[in-house]
Amino acid sequence: MLGIGIDIGGTNTKLVVVNRAGKLLAHERFRTEASKGSGFFIKRLAAVVEGFKRDYGRQLVSIGIGAAGDVDPERGILRFSPNLAWRSVKIAGPLEKLTGLPCVMENDANMAAWGAYELELGRKTADILTLTMGTGIGSGMILAGKLYHGATGSAGEAGHLIIEPDGRPCHCGGRGCLEAYCGSYAIMARARELIKNEAAMVKKFSAPGHEKFNTICLTNAAAAGHAGARRVWAETGHYLGMGLAGLILLLNPGCVVLTGGVSRARKWFLPAMCKILNDQQIKTPFEKVKIKISDSADLGSHGAALFGLEHGLK
């Protein structure tokens, strides 16, 4: 049996085909382009799935979907996504009708957490907190070996914990959220405040062929010793530590997994993050917790596929 995993992000959407062991067999990726509407987007998903069906036929038995935002997993509805600007969008049902495959849908960070649980940790750690660090900040929790949803399916919105009352504006409409300090859009907004000659930064530090002022450029600048870039990453680590400290005290996880594009700058934000964690007054949960940075860019899509295979056929 093979499963399709879909990871719907604020910027890009990934689709994969994996087997039960998590081996990648096929993948596709496209720009999410949420501004074109959910109907257009779902048809694009269905077209890619149809391509997979032509290649793998009846071996494909399920679809797992992870979407950025507040998800109703029972009804397959994206209730609200700040980074997509969508509200009350039905995704699982329409996609199931178009493809003929059973669909399960969760928050994208929940699917990344499931991917970390299965693939990074081999189900050997029963209590895991996963933070996805991309356009926004999401989190998923595996508690006692099970995905934790909370009363309404909304558990894990760590990106919208308030860490600075009346702080920076967040895409959710609030202020002072963790995401407003550690999401990539917030990091780059802070970089633009501190680094005035953006064009020179792009020319000097961008990845070849990708001349953009983004977190990759900022990481390269930090590696080259740029003081402003290092200050931005240190501030990011400080605020990330503040958010994680509260979560670790509340959940007492055995492992915290950080994943997503922003996590690749680990060298530059981890020292400030770890200082906050080490300075906590209640020591035990911080001495025992393991911090793991995933090198996989596909935990969300792979986790969605594996979750779909396990739960979509029940």
C-alpha atoms as a PDB file:
ATOM      1  CA  MET A   1       0.000   0.000   0.000  1.00  0.00           C
ATOM      2  CA  LEU A   2       1.157   3.508  -0.838  1.00  0.00           C
ATOM      3  CA  GLY A   3      -0.008   6.822   0.584  1.00  0.00           C
ATOM      4  CA  ILE A   4      -0.008  10.373  -0.711  1.00  0.00           C
ATOM      5  CA  GLY A   5       1.057  13.110   1.671  1.00  0.00           C
ATOM      6  CA  ILE A   6       0.240  16.774   1.109  1.00  0.00           C
ATOM      7  CA  ASP A   7       1.850  19.630   3.008  1.00  0.00           C
ATOM      8  CA  ILE A   8       0.047  22.943   2.403  1.00  0.00           C
ATOM      9  CA  GLY A   9       2.288  25.816   3.430  1.00  0.00           C
ATOM     10  CA  GLY A  10       1.895  29.558   3.269  1.00  0.00           C
ATOM     11  CA  THR A  11       4.354  29.757   0.374  1.00  0.00           C
ATOM     12  CA  ASN A  12       4.674  26.283  -1.175  1.00  0.00           C
ATOM     13  CA  THR A  13       2.694  23.042  -1.304  1.00  0.00           C
ATOM     14  CA  LYS A  14       4.438  19.652  -1.429  1.00  0.00           C
ATOM     15  CA  LEU A  15       2.980  16.302  -2.459  1.00  0.00           C
ATOM     16  CA  VAL A  16       4.741  12.962  -1.989  1.00  0.00           C
ATOM     17  CA  VAL A  17       4.075   9.266  -2.487  1.00  0.00           C
ATOM     18  CA  VAL A  18       5.585   7.009   0.188  1.00  0.00           C
ATOM     19  CA  ASN A  19       5.315   3.397   1.289  1.00  0.00           C
ATOM     20  CA  ARG A  20       4.521   2.257   4.820  1.00  0.00           C
ATOM     21  CA  ALA A  21       8.198   2.436   5.777  1.00  0.00           C
ATOM     22  CA  GLY A  22       8.314   6.084   4.728  1.00  0.00           C
ATOM     23  CA  LYS A  23      10.379   5.528   1.567  1.00  0.00           C
ATOM     24  CA  LEU A  24       9.865   8.324  -0.952  1.00  0.00           C
ATOM     25  CA  LEU A  25       8.695   7.130  -4.364  1.00  0.00           C
ATOM     26  CA  ALA A  26       7.523  10.350  -6.029  1.00  0.00           C
ATOM     27  CA  HIS A  27       7.148  14.045  -5.261  1.00  0.00           C
ATOM     28  CA  GLU A  28       5.770  17.279  -6.679  1.00  0.00           C
ATOM     29  CA  ARG A  29       5.884  20.881  -5.490  1.00  0.00           C
ATOM     30  CA  PHE A  30       4.152  24.081  -6.528  1.00  0.00           C
ATOM     31  CA  ARG A  31       3.523  27.609  -5.289  1.00  0.00           C
ATOM     32  CA  THR A  32       0.447  27.670  -3.064  1.00  0.00           C
ATOM     33  CA  GLU A  33      -0.856  30.954  -4.508  1.00  0.00           C
ATOM     34  CA  ALA A  34      -3.643  31.190  -1.940  1.00  0.00           C
ATOM     35  CA  SER A  35      -4.821  34.487  -3.438  1.00  0.00           C
ATOM     36  CA  LYS A  36      -6.233  32.576  -6.435  1.00  0.00           C
ATOM     37  CA  GLY A  37      -8.787  30.912  -4.156  1.00  0.00           C
ATOM     38  CA  SER A  38      -9.346  27.525  -2.576  1.00  0.00           C
ATOM     39  CA  GLY A  39     -11.307  26.097  -5.527  1.00  0.00           C
ATOM     40  CA  PHE A  40      -8.436  26.701  -7.932  1.00  0.00           C
ATOM     41  CA  PHE A  41      -5.997  25.267  -5.393  1.00  0.00           C
ATOM     42  CA  ILE A  42      -7.961  22.049  -4.787  1.00  0.00           C
ATOM     43  CA  LYS A  43      -8.182  21.412  -8.533  1.00  0.00           C
ATOM     44  CA  ARG A  44      -4.397  21.770  -8.743  1.00  0.00           C
ATOM     45  CA  LEU A  45      -4.024  19.215  -5.946  1.00  0.00           C
ATOM     46  CA  ALA A  46      -6.377  16.815  -7.711  1.00  0.00           C
ATOM     47  CA  ALA A  47      -4.442  17.141 -10.976  1.00  0.00           C
ATOM     48  CA  VAL A  48      -1.188  16.134  -9.281  1.00  0.00           C
ATOM     49  CA  VAL A  49      -2.922  13.230  -7.513  1.00  0.00           C
ATOM     50  CA  GLU A  50      -4.299  12.019 -10.850  1.00  0.00           C
ATOM     51  CA  GLY A  51      -0.746  11.968 -12.181  1.00  0.00           C
ATOM     52  CA  PHE A  52       0.318   9.816  -9.233  1.00  0.00           C
ATOM     53  CA  LYS A  53      -2.643   7.490  -9.866  1.00  0.00           C
ATOM     54  CA  ARG A  54      -1.555   6.978 -13.465  1.00  0.00           C
ATOM     55  CA  ASP A  55       1.860   5.887 -12.214  1.00  0.00           C
ATOM     56  CA  TYR A  56       0.862   3.767  -9.202  1.00  0.00           C
ATOM     57  CA  GLY A  57      -2.770   2.790  -9.763  1.00  0.00           C
ATOM     58  CA  ARG A  58      -4.469   0.754  -7.055  1.00  0.00           C
ATOM     59  CA  GLN A  59      -1.377   0.748  -4.868  1.00  0.00           C
ATOM     60  CA  LEU A  60      -2.453   4.254  -3.800  1.00  0.00           C
ATOM     61  CA  VAL A  61      -4.963   3.846  -0.992  1.00  0.00           C
ATOM     62  CA  SER A  62      -5.097   7.108   0.999  1.00  0.00           C
ATOM     63  CA  ILE A  63      -4.291  10.796   1.172  1.00  0.00           C
ATOM     64  CA  GLY A  64      -3.059  12.587   4.274  1.00  0.00           C
ATOM     65  CA  ILE A  65      -3.177  16.378   4.309  1.00  0.00           C
ATOM     66  CA  GLY A  66      -1.396  18.841   6.550  1.00  0.00           C
ATOM     67  CA  ALA A  67      -2.548  22.466   6.259  1.00  0.00           C
ATOM     68  CA  ALA A  68      -1.126  25.591   7.841  1.00  0.00           C
ATOM     69  CA  GLY A  69      -3.738  26.961  10.241  1.00  0.00           C
ATOM     70  CA  ASP A  70      -6.607  25.972  12.522  1.00  0.00           C
ATOM     71  CA  VAL A  71      -8.012  22.682  11.205  1.00  0.00           C
ATOM     72  CA  ASP A  72     -11.179  20.760  12.054  1.00  0.00           C
ATOM     73  CA  PRO A  73      -9.816  17.204  11.589  1.00  0.00           C
ATOM     74  CA  GLU A  74     -13.241  15.588  11.942  1.00  0.00           C
ATOM     75  CA  ARG A  75     -14.759  17.500   9.003  1.00  0.00           C
ATOM     76  CA  GLY A  76     -11.614  18.185   6.983  1.00  0.00           C
ATOM     77  CA  ILE A  77     -12.103  21.940   7.128  1.00  0.00           C
ATOM     78  CA  LEU A  78      -9.458  24.639   7.350  1.00  0.00           C
ATOM     79  CA  ARG A  79     -11.193  26.954   9.796  1.00  0.00           C
ATOM     80  CA  PHE A  80      -8.645  29.768   9.663  1.00  0.00           C
ATOM     81  CA  SER A  81      -5.193  30.168   8.177  1.00  0.00           C
ATOM     82  CA  PRO A  82      -3.481  33.526   8.829  1.00  0.00           C
ATOM     83  CA  ASN A  83      -0.786  32.878   6.236  1.00  0.00           C
ATOM     84  CA  LEU A  84      -3.228  31.727   3.537  1.00  0.00           C
ATOM     85  CA  ALA A  85      -5.939  34.272   4.452  1.00  0.00           C
ATOM     86  CA  TRP A  86      -8.562  31.490   4.164  1.00  0.00           C
ATOM     87  CA  ARG A  87     -11.508  30.881   6.467  1.00  0.00           C
ATOM     88  CA  SER A  88     -13.909  27.907   6.622  1.00  0.00           C
ATOM     89  CA  VAL A  89     -12.461  26.153   3.570  1.00  0.00           C
ATOM     90  CA  LYS A  90     -13.456  22.532   2.924  1.00  0.00           C
ATOM     91  CA  ILE A  91     -10.460  20.637   1.581  1.00  0.00           C
ATOM     92  CA  ALA A  92     -10.588  16.923   2.480  1.00  0.00           C
ATOM     93  CA  GLY A  93     -14.138  16.301   1.226  1.00  0.00           C
ATOM     94  CA  PRO A  94     -13.787  18.011  -2.171  1.00  0.00           C
ATOM     95  CA  LEU A  95     -10.397  16.379  -2.782  1.00  0.00           C
ATOM     96  CA  GLU A  96     -11.786  12.970  -1.874  1.00  0.00           C
ATOM     97  CA  LYS A  97     -14.622  13.438  -4.403  1.00  0.00           C
ATOM     98  CA  LEU A  98     -12.239  14.528  -7.148  1.00  0.00           C
ATOM     99  CA  THR A  99      -9.695  11.729  -6.610  1.00  0.00           C
ATOM    100  CA  GLY A 100     -11.726   8.825  -5.214  1.00  0.00           C
ATOM    101  CA  LEU A 101      -9.198   8.334  -2.407  1.00  0.00           C
ATOM    102  CA  PRO A 102     -10.043   8.606   1.309  1.00  0.00           C
ATOM    103  CA  CYS A 103      -8.565  11.767   2.833  1.00  0.00           C
ATOM    104  CA  VAL A 104      -7.631  12.691   6.377  1.00  0.00           C
ATOM    105  CA  MET A 105      -6.646  16.242   7.253  1.00  0.00           C
ATOM    106  CA  GLU A 106      -4.717  17.771  10.142  1.00  0.00           C
ATOM    107  CA  ASN A 107      -2.790  20.900  10.947  1.00  0.00           C
ATOM    108  CA  ASP A 108       0.533  20.842   9.077  1.00  0.00           C
ATOM    109  CA  ALA A 109       2.570  20.935  12.268  1.00  0.00           C
ATOM    110  CA  ASN A 110       0.648  17.930  13.597  1.00  0.00           C
ATOM    111  CA  MET A 111       1.713  16.045  10.480  1.00  0.00           C
ATOM    112  CA  ALA A 112       5.317  17.170  10.949  1.00  0.00           C
ATOM    113  CA  ALA A 113       5.091  15.912  14.529  1.00  0.00           C
ATOM    114  CA  TRP A 114       3.823  12.558  13.279  1.00  0.00           C
ATOM    115  CA  GLY A 115       6.663  12.441  10.760  1.00  0.00           C
ATOM    116  CA  ALA A 116       9.187  13.166  13.510  1.00  0.00           C
ATOM    117  CA  TYR A 117       7.598  10.497  15.723  1.00  0.00           C
ATOM    118  CA  GLU A 118       7.777   7.828  13.026  1.00  0.00           C
ATOM    119  CA  LEU A 119      10.852   8.712  10.990  1.00  0.00           C
ATOM    120  CA  GLU A 120      13.177  10.741  13.210  1.00  0.00           C
ATOM    121  CA  LEU A 121      12.569   8.935  16.491  1.00  0.00           C
ATOM    122  CA  GLY A 122      11.227   5.533  15.373  1.00  0.00           C
ATOM    123  CA  ARG A 123       8.321   5.753  17.829  1.00  0.00           C
ATOM    124  CA  LYS A 124      10.849   5.323  20.652  1.00  0.00           C
ATOM    125  CA  THR A 125       9.974   8.627  22.367  1.00  0.00           C
ATOM    126  CA  ALA A 126       6.311   8.811  23.360  1.00  0.00           C
ATOM    127  CA  ASP A 127       6.117  12.526  24.247  1.00  0.00           C
ATOM    128  CA  ILE A 128       7.274  14.892  21.510  1.00  0.00           C
ATOM    129  CA  LEU A 129       6.813  18.569  20.793  1.00  0.00           C
ATOM    130  CA  THR A 130       7.541  19.611  17.202  1.00  0.00           C
ATOM    131  CA  LEU A 131       7.868  23.223  16.054  1.00  0.00           C
ATOM    132  CA  THR A 132       7.686  23.994  12.356  1.00  0.00           C
ATOM    133  CA  MET A 133       9.673  27.111  11.526  1.00  0.00           C
ATOM    134  CA  GLY A 134       8.744  28.483   8.125  1.00  0.00           C
ATOM    135  CA  THR A 135       6.616  31.406   6.948  1.00  0.00           C
ATOM    136  CA  GLY A 136       4.857  31.064  10.299  1.00  0.00           C
ATOM    137  CA  ILE A 137       5.396  28.998  13.449  1.00  0.00           C
ATOM    138  CA  GLY A 138       3.328  25.887  14.059  1.00  0.00           C
ATOM    139  CA  SER A 139       3.537  23.093  16.583  1.00  0.00           C
ATOM    140  CA  GLY A 140       2.302  19.555  16.971  1.00  0.00           C
ATOM    141  CA  MET A 141       2.292  17.251  19.953  1.00  0.00           C
ATOM    142  CA  ILE A 142       2.565  13.491  20.302  1.00  0.00           C
ATOM    143  CA  LEU A 143       1.581  12.643  23.876  1.00  0.00           C
ATOM    144  CA  ALA A 144       1.758   9.055  25.119  1.00  0.00           C
ATOM    145  CA  GLY A 145       2.269   7.958  21.514  1.00  0.00           C
ATOM    146  CA  LYS A 146      -0.866   9.636  20.175  1.00  0.00           C
ATOM    147  CA  LEU A 147      -1.448  12.842  18.249  1.00  0.00           C
ATOM    148  CA  TYR A 148      -2.973  15.353  20.637  1.00  0.00           C
ATOM    149  CA  HIS A 149      -5.843  17.419  19.253  1.00  0.00           C
ATOM    150  CA  GLY A 150      -7.384  19.119  22.279  1.00  0.00           C
ATOM    151  CA  ALA A 151     -11.119  19.706  22.699  1.00  0.00           C
ATOM    152  CA  THR A 152     -11.714  21.289  19.278  1.00  0.00           C
ATOM    153  CA  GLY A 153      -8.754  20.058  17.224  1.00  0.00           C
ATOM    154  CA  SER A 154      -6.955  23.359  17.770  1.00  0.00           C
ATOM    155  CA  ALA A 155      -4.180  22.163  20.109  1.00  0.00           C
ATOM    156  CA  GLY A 156      -0.703  23.172  19.098  1.00  0.00           C
ATOM    157  CA  GLU A 157      -1.120  26.798  18.023  1.00  0.00           C
ATOM    158  CA  ALA A 158       2.165  27.677  19.696  1.00  0.00           C
ATOM    159  CA  GLY A 159       2.939  30.291  17.065  1.00  0.00           C
ATOM    160  CA  HIS A 160       0.217  32.459  18.550  1.00  0.00           C
ATOM    161  CA  LEU A 161       1.316  32.322  22.162  1.00  0.00           C
ATOM    162  CA  ILE A 162       1.827  35.897  23.344  1.00  0.00           C
ATOM    163  CA  ILE A 163       5.461  36.437  24.298  1.00  0.00           C
ATOM    164  CA  GLU A 164       5.440  40.252  24.152  1.00  0.00           C
ATOM    165  CA  PRO A 165       2.212  41.991  25.232  1.00  0.00           C
ATOM    166  CA  ASP A 166       1.370  44.684  22.655  1.00  0.00           C
ATOM    167  CA  GLY A 167       4.364  43.551  20.619  1.00  0.00           C
ATOM    168  CA  ARG A 168       4.890  43.247  16.888  1.00  0.00           C
ATOM    169  CA  PRO A 169       1.854  42.638  14.660  1.00  0.00           C
ATOM    170  CA  CYS A 170       1.146  39.048  13.653  1.00  0.00           C
ATOM    171  CA  HIS A 171      -0.588  37.716  10.547  1.00  0.00           C
ATOM    172  CA  CYS A 172      -3.354  36.346  12.803  1.00  0.00           C
ATOM    173  CA  GLY A 173      -4.412  39.929  13.599  1.00  0.00           C
ATOM    174  CA  GLY A 174      -2.979  39.922  17.097  1.00  0.00           C
ATOM    175  CA  ARG A 175       0.217  41.389  18.474  1.00  0.00           C
ATOM    176  CA  GLY A 176       3.206  39.940  20.278  1.00  0.00           C
ATOM    177  CA  CYS A 177       2.809  36.335  19.065  1.00  0.00           C
ATOM    178  CA  LEU A 178       5.798  33.993  18.914  1.00  0.00           C
ATOM    179  CA  GLU A 179       5.305  33.867  15.128  1.00  0.00           C
ATOM    180  CA  ALA A 180       5.632  37.658  14.941  1.00  0.00           C
ATOM    181  CA  TYR A 181       9.232  37.229  16.143  1.00  0.00           C
ATOM    182  CA  CYS A 182      10.314  33.845  14.776  1.00  0.00           C
ATOM    183  CA  GLY A 183       8.387  33.287  11.534  1.00  0.00           C
ATOM    184  CA  SER A 184      10.447  33.967   8.422  1.00  0.00           C
ATOM    185  CA  TYR A 185       8.358  37.005   7.474  1.00  0.00           C
ATOM    186  CA  ALA A 186       8.972  38.490  10.922  1.00  0.00           C
ATOM    187  CA  ILE A 187      12.687  37.694  10.871  1.00  0.00           C
ATOM    188  CA  MET A 188      13.112  39.445   7.537  1.00  0.00           C
ATOM    189  CA  ALA A 189      11.036  42.430   8.685  1.00  0.00           C
ATOM    190  CA  ARG A 190      13.438  42.815  11.606  1.00  0.00           C
ATOM    191  CA  ALA A 191      16.400  42.405   9.257  1.00  0.00           C
ATOM    192  CA  ARG A 192      15.094  45.269   7.102  1.00  0.00           C
ATOM    193  CA  GLU A 193      14.926  47.464  10.201  1.00  0.00           C
ATOM    194  CA  LEU A 194      18.570  46.789  11.067  1.00  0.00           C
ATOM    195  CA  ILE A 195      20.163  46.316   7.636  1.00  0.00           C
ATOM    196  CA  LYS A 196      19.632  49.302   5.378  1.00  0.00           C
ATOM    197  CA  ASN A 197      21.586  48.331   2.264  1.00  0.00           C
ATOM    198  CA  GLU A 198      19.400  45.416   1.192  1.00  0.00           C
ATOM    199  CA  ALA A 199      20.641  45.380  -2.412  1.00  0.00           C
ATOM    200  CA  ALA A 200      24.246  44.997  -1.302  1.00  0.00           C
ATOM    201  CA  MET A 201      23.271  42.145   1.036  1.00  0.00           C
ATOM    202  CA  VAL A 202      21.471  40.331  -1.760  1.00  0.00           C
ATOM    203  CA  LYS A 203      24.389  40.745  -4.153  1.00  0.00           C
ATOM    204  CA  LYS A 204      26.943  39.532  -1.636  1.00  0.00           C
ATOM    205  CA  PHE A 205      25.166  36.811   0.345  1.00  0.00           C
ATOM    206  CA  SER A 206      22.306  35.341  -1.713  1.00  0.00           C
ATOM    207  CA  ALA A 207      22.448  31.764  -2.949  1.00  0.00           C
ATOM    208  CA  PRO A 208      23.542  31.664  -6.629  1.00  0.00           C
ATOM    209  CA  GLY A 209      20.518  31.875  -8.887  1.00  0.00           C
ATOM    210  CA  HIS A 210      18.247  32.916  -6.000  1.00  0.00           C
ATOM    211  CA  GLU A 211      18.983  36.598  -5.524  1.00  0.00           C
ATOM    212  CA  LYS A 212      16.572  37.377  -2.707  1.00  0.00           C
ATOM    213  CA  PHE A 213      16.734  38.996   0.688  1.00  0.00           C
ATOM    214  CA  ASN A 214      15.556  35.959   2.645  1.00  0.00           C
ATOM    215  CA  THR A 215      16.607  33.787   5.569  1.00  0.00           C
ATOM    216  CA  ILE A 216      19.185  31.975   3.406  1.00  0.00           C
ATOM    217  CA  CYS A 217      20.806  35.310   2.564  1.00  0.00           C
ATOM    218  CA  LEU A 218      20.661  36.291   6.236  1.00  0.00           C
ATOM    219  CA  THR A 219      22.257  32.996   7.302  1.00  0.00           C
ATOM    220  CA  ASN A 220      25.067  33.393   4.772  1.00  0.00           C
ATOM    221  CA  ALA A 221      25.654  36.927   6.041  1.00  0.00           C
ATOM    222  CA  ALA A 222      25.848  35.703   9.634  1.00  0.00           C
ATOM    223  CA  ALA A 223      28.366  33.044   8.594  1.00  0.00           C
ATOM    224  CA  ALA A 224      30.476  35.776   6.991  1.00  0.00           C
ATOM    225  CA  GLY A 225      30.483  37.732  10.250  1.00  0.00           C
ATOM    226  CA  HIS A 226      27.870  40.389   9.420  1.00  0.00           C
ATOM    227  CA  ALA A 227      26.982  41.985  12.779  1.00  0.00           C
ATOM    228  CA  GLY A 228      23.416  42.950  11.842  1.00  0.00           C
ATOM    229  CA  ALA A 229      22.595  39.452  10.585  1.00  0.00           C
ATOM    230  CA  ARG A 230      23.989  37.869  13.726  1.00  0.00           C
ATOM    231  CA  ARG A 231      21.968  40.253  15.863  1.00  0.00           C
ATOM    232  CA  VAL A 232      18.750  39.284  14.039  1.00  0.00           C
ATOM    233  CA  TRP A 233      19.415  35.578  14.571  1.00  0.00           C
ATOM    234  CA  ALA A 234      20.326  36.110  18.241  1.00  0.00           C
ATOM    235  CA  GLU A 235      17.040  37.964  18.784  1.00  0.00           C
ATOM    236  CA  THR A 236      15.187  35.146  17.016  1.00  0.00           C
ATOM    237  CA  GLY A 237      16.792  32.594  19.326  1.00  0.00           C
ATOM    238  CA  HIS A 238      15.936  34.673  22.386  1.00  0.00           C
ATOM    239  CA  TYR A 239      12.247  34.839  21.539  1.00  0.00           C
ATOM    240  CA  LEU A 240      12.140  31.216  20.436  1.00  0.00           C
ATOM    241  CA  GLY A 241      13.596  30.264  23.811  1.00  0.00           C
ATOM    242  CA  MET A 242      10.921  32.290  25.588  1.00  0.00           C
ATOM    243  CA  GLY A 243       8.188  30.456  23.726  1.00  0.00           C
ATOM    244  CA  LEU A 244       9.748  27.024  24.162  1.00  0.00           C
ATOM    245  CA  ALA A 245      10.361  27.538  27.865  1.00  0.00           C
ATOM    246  CA  GLY A 246       6.653  27.883  28.548  1.00  0.00           C
ATOM    247  CA  LEU A 247       5.805  24.914  26.350  1.00  0.00           C
ATOM    248  CA  ILE A 248       8.390  22.670  27.995  1.00  0.00           C
ATOM    249  CA  LEU A 249       7.163  23.611  31.456  1.00  0.00           C
ATOM    250  CA  LEU A 250       3.577  22.871  30.418  1.00  0.00           C
ATOM    251  CA  LEU A 251       4.108  19.625  28.452  1.00  0.00           C
ATOM    252  CA  ASN A 252       7.369  18.183  29.809  1.00  0.00           C
ATOM    253  CA  PRO A 253       8.243  16.509  26.476  1.00  0.00           C
ATOM    254  CA  GLY A 254      11.042  14.002  26.131  1.00  0.00           C
ATOM    255  CA  CYS A 255      12.127  15.602  22.874  1.00  0.00           C
ATOM    256  CA  VAL A 256      11.620  18.908  21.061  1.00  0.00           C
ATOM    257  CA  VAL A 257      12.045  18.684  17.291  1.00  0.00           C
ATOM    258  CA  LEU A 258      12.618  21.864  15.290  1.00  0.00           C
ATOM    259  CA  THR A 259      12.041  21.673  11.568  1.00  0.00           C
ATOM    260  CA  GLY A 260      11.390  23.936   8.575  1.00  0.00           C
ATOM    261  CA  GLY A 261      13.481  26.364   6.572  1.00  0.00           C
ATOM    262  CA  VAL A 262      14.271  28.738   9.441  1.00  0.00           C
ATOM    263  CA  SER A 263      15.709  25.866  11.501  1.00  0.00           C
ATOM    264  CA  ARG A 264      18.621  25.636   9.048  1.00  0.00           C
ATOM    265  CA  ALA A 265      20.058  28.718  10.728  1.00  0.00           C
ATOM    266  CA  ARG A 266      20.505  26.684  13.917  1.00  0.00           C
ATOM    267  CA  LYS A 267      24.135  27.728  14.424  1.00  0.00           C
ATOM    268  CA  TRP A 268      23.106  31.342  14.768  1.00  0.00           C
ATOM    269  CA  PHE A 269      19.954  31.141  16.903  1.00  0.00           C
ATOM    270  CA  LEU A 270      20.570  28.092  19.118  1.00  0.00           C
ATOM    271  CA  PRO A 271      23.009  29.773  21.563  1.00  0.00           C
ATOM    272  CA  ALA A 272      20.495  32.487  22.498  1.00  0.00           C
ATOM    273  CA  MET A 273      17.642  29.963  22.625  1.00  0.00           C
ATOM    274  CA  CYS A 274      19.587  27.579  24.855  1.00  0.00           C
ATOM    275  CA  LYS A 275      20.564  30.411  27.194  1.00  0.00           C
ATOM    276  CA  ILE A 276      16.901  31.133  27.873  1.00  0.00           C
ATOM    277  CA  LEU A 277      16.199  27.432  28.497  1.00  0.00           C
ATOM    278  CA  ASN A 278      19.254  27.034  30.739  1.00  0.00           C
ATOM    279  CA  ASP A 279      18.267  30.076  32.808  1.00  0.00           C
ATOM    280  CA  GLN A 280      14.879  28.629  33.838  1.00  0.00           C
ATOM    281  CA  GLN A 281      14.351  28.268  37.571  1.00  0.00           C
ATOM    282  CA  ILE A 282      12.628  24.871  37.473  1.00  0.00           C
ATOM    283  CA  LYS A 283      15.511  22.802  36.139  1.00  0.00           C
ATOM    284  CA  THR A 284      14.336  19.195  35.790  1.00  0.00           C
ATOM    285  CA  PRO A 285      12.300  19.336  32.555  1.00  0.00           C
ATOM    286  CA  PHE A 286      15.031  21.380  30.858  1.00  0.00           C
ATOM    287  CA  GLU A 287      17.832  19.059  31.942  1.00  0.00           C
ATOM    288  CA  LYS A 288      16.015  16.008  30.575  1.00  0.00           C
ATOM    289  CA  VAL A 289      14.543  17.289  27.314  1.00  0.00           C
ATOM    290  CA  LYS A 290      16.420  16.595  24.077  1.00  0.00           C
ATOM    291  CA  ILE A 291      16.502  19.295  21.402  1.00  0.00           C
ATOM    292  CA  LYS A 292      16.704  17.850  17.896  1.00  0.00           C
ATOM    293  CA  ILE A 293      16.963  19.817  14.668  1.00  0.00           C
ATOM    294  CA  SER A 294      15.557  17.791  11.798  1.00  0.00           C
ATOM    295  CA  ASP A 295      17.507  17.890   8.554  1.00  0.00           C
ATOM    296  CA  SER A 296      14.454  16.677   6.655  1.00  0.00           C
ATOM    297  CA  ALA A 297      12.571  19.324   4.698  1.00  0.00           C
ATOM    298  CA  ASP A 298       9.707  16.886   4.235  1.00  0.00           C
ATOM    299  CA  LEU A 299       8.569  15.795   7.688  1.00  0.00           C
ATOM    300  CA  GLY A 300       5.157  17.382   7.105  1.00  0.00           C
ATOM    301  CA  SER A 301       4.443  15.702   3.777  1.00  0.00           C
ATOM    302  CA  HIS A 302       5.901  12.336   4.792  1.00  0.00           C
ATOM    303  CA  GLY A 303       4.141  12.460   8.147  1.00  0.00           C
ATOM    304  CA  ALA A 304       0.850  13.247   6.393  1.00  0.00           C
ATOM    305  CA  ALA A 305       1.270  10.264   4.066  1.00  0.00           C
ATOM    306  CA  LEU A 306       2.060   7.892   6.934  1.00  0.00           C
ATOM    307  CA  PHE A 307      -0.768   9.272   9.074  1.00  0.00           C
ATOM    308  CA  GLY A 308      -3.144   8.819   6.146  1.00  0.00           C
ATOM    309  CA  LEU A 309      -2.069   5.208   5.706  1.00  0.00           C
ATOM    310  CA  GLU A 310      -2.588   4.507   9.388  1.00  0.00           C
ATOM    311  CA  HIS A 311      -5.813   6.430   9.961  1.00  0.00           C
ATOM    312  CA  GLY A 312      -7.424   7.094   6.593  1.00  0.00           C
ATOM    313  CA  LEU A 313      -8.556   3.529   6.030  1.00  0.00           C
ATOM    314  CA  LYS A 314     -10.208   3.020   9.429  1.00  0.00           C
END
